[in-house]
C-alpha atoms as a PDB file:
ATOM      1  CA  UNK A   1      18.237  -4.997 -12.842  1.00  0.00           C
ATOM      2  CA  UNK A   2      16.454  -6.657 -15.705  1.00  0.00           C
ATOM      3  CA  UNK A   3      12.858  -5.454 -16.677  1.00  0.00           C
ATOM      4  CA  UNK A   4      10.225  -8.049 -18.467  1.00  0.00           C
ATOM      5  CA  UNK A   5       7.172  -7.656 -20.387  1.00  0.00           C
ATOM      6  CA  UNK A   6       4.376  -8.872 -18.716  1.00  0.00           C
ATOM      7  CA  UNK A   7       3.047 -10.913 -21.011  1.00  0.00           C
ATOM      8  CA  UNK A   8       6.657 -12.266 -21.397  1.00  0.00           C
ATOM      9  CA  UNK A   9       6.465 -13.179 -16.728  1.00  0.00           C
ATOM     10  CA  UNK A  10       2.617 -14.512 -17.250  1.00  0.00           C
ATOM     11  CA  UNK A  11       4.143 -16.825 -20.307  1.00  0.00           C
ATOM     12  CA  UNK A  12       7.207 -17.675 -17.414  1.00  0.00           C
ATOM     13  CA  UNK A  13       4.527 -18.476 -14.656  1.00  0.00           C
ATOM     14  CA  UNK A  14       2.104 -20.784 -16.819  1.00  0.00           C
ATOM     15  CA  UNK A  15       5.223 -23.056 -17.408  1.00  0.00           C
ATOM     16  CA  UNK A  16       5.608 -23.713 -13.296  1.00  0.00           C
ATOM     17  CA  UNK A  17       4.049 -26.748 -11.592  1.00  0.00           C
ATOM     18  CA  UNK A  18       0.626 -25.564  -9.908  1.00  0.00           C
ATOM     19  CA  UNK A  19       2.778 -25.908  -6.567  1.00  0.00           C
ATOM     20  CA  UNK A  20       5.441 -23.618  -8.073  1.00  0.00           C
ATOM     21  CA  UNK A  21       2.803 -20.794  -9.030  1.00  0.00           C
ATOM     22  CA  UNK A  22       0.416 -21.392  -5.338  1.00  0.00           C
ATOM     23  CA  UNK A  23       4.239 -20.459  -3.641  1.00  0.00           C
ATOM     24  CA  UNK A  24       4.697 -17.803  -6.538  1.00  0.00           C
ATOM     25  CA  UNK A  25       1.254 -16.334  -5.467  1.00  0.00           C
ATOM     26  CA  UNK A  26       1.869 -16.545  -1.564  1.00  0.00           C
ATOM     27  CA  UNK A  27       4.458 -15.010  -1.948  1.00  0.00           C
ATOM     28  CA  UNK A  28       3.410 -11.990  -3.874  1.00  0.00           C
ATOM     29  CA  UNK A  29       0.695 -11.579  -1.304  1.00  0.00           C
ATOM     30  CA  UNK A  30       2.918 -11.923   1.877  1.00  0.00           C
ATOM     31  CA  UNK A  31       4.795  -9.184   0.288  1.00  0.00           C
ATOM     32  CA  UNK A  32       1.678  -6.970  -0.794  1.00  0.00           C
ATOM     33  CA  UNK A  33       0.731  -7.312   2.955  1.00  0.00           C
ATOM     34  CA  UNK A  34       3.607  -6.250   4.209  1.00  0.00           C
ATOM     35  CA  UNK A  35       4.275  -3.549   1.536  1.00  0.00           C
ATOM     36  CA  UNK A  36       0.616  -2.306   2.992  1.00  0.00           C
ATOM     37  CA  UNK A  37       1.217  -2.962   6.501  1.00  0.00           C
ATOM     38  CA  UNK A  38       5.019  -0.838   6.031  1.00  0.00           C
ATOM     39  CA  UNK A  39       2.982   2.180   4.408  1.00  0.00           C
ATOM     40  CA  UNK A  40      -0.007   2.017   7.115  1.00  0.00           C
ATOM     41  CA  UNK A  41       2.944   2.417  10.030  1.00  0.00           C
ATOM     42  CA  UNK A  42       4.458   5.386   8.100  1.00  0.00           C
ATOM     43  CA  UNK A  43       1.348   7.178   7.712  1.00  0.00           C
ATOM     44  CA  UNK A  44       0.966   6.383  11.687  1.00  0.00           C
ATOM     45  CA  UNK A  45       4.151   8.296  11.971  1.00  0.00           C
ATOM     46  CA  UNK A  46       3.342  11.497   9.925  1.00  0.00           C
ATOM     47  CA  UNK A  47      -0.387  11.320  11.836  1.00  0.00           C
ATOM     48  CA  UNK A  48       1.720  11.703  15.535  1.00  0.00           C
ATOM     49  CA  UNK A  49       4.515  13.507  14.297  1.00  0.00           C
ATOM     50  CA  UNK A  50       1.832  16.460  12.356  1.00  0.00           C
ATOM     51  CA  UNK A  51      -0.689  15.997  15.904  1.00  0.00           C
ATOM     52  CA  UNK A  52       2.801  16.412  18.195  1.00  0.00           C
ATOM     53  CA  UNK A  53       3.121  19.526  16.273  1.00  0.00           C
ATOM     54  CA  UNK A  54      -0.442  20.458  16.088  1.00  0.00           C
ATOM     55  CA  UNK A  55      -0.634  20.597  12.022  1.00  0.00           C
ATOM     56  CA  UNK A  56      -4.326  18.456  11.920  1.00  0.00           C
ATOM     57  CA  UNK A  57      -7.416  20.234  11.359  1.00  0.00           C
ATOM     58  CA  UNK A  58     -10.216  20.241  14.548  1.00  0.00           C
ATOM     59  CA  UNK A  59     -13.698  20.483  14.303  1.00  0.00           C
ATOM     60  CA  UNK A  60     -17.375  19.556  13.782  1.00  0.00           C
ATOM     61  CA  UNK A  61     -18.266  18.278  10.823  1.00  0.00           C
ATOM     62  CA  UNK A  62     -19.885  21.511   9.790  1.00  0.00           C
ATOM     63  CA  UNK A  63     -16.713  23.005   9.961  1.00  0.00           C
ATOM     64  CA  UNK A  64     -14.671  20.314   8.083  1.00  0.00           C
ATOM     65  CA  UNK A  65     -16.813  21.116   5.301  1.00  0.00           C
ATOM     66  CA  UNK A  66     -17.127  24.639   5.320  1.00  0.00           C
ATOM     67  CA  UNK A  67     -12.699  24.540   5.542  1.00  0.00           C
ATOM     68  CA  UNK A  68     -13.512  22.317   2.655  1.00  0.00           C
ATOM     69  CA  UNK A  69     -15.241  24.412   0.537  1.00  0.00           C
ATOM     70  CA  UNK A  70     -12.572  27.685   0.955  1.00  0.00           C
END
């Protein structure tokens, strides 16, 4: 995989037409949203597993604060 310096990438983008830049922005935004959705889905799976194995903390706000201060 070839790597590029950030400033070199910016220069390449600036050489693109306005339409190409807009398309690139939309594509990157979409990929970032998908990546974040995947991260959220993974967190949900992990939370479900922790709940299933009773690895979650339950209590009142005061209980949680007391636990955090230990």
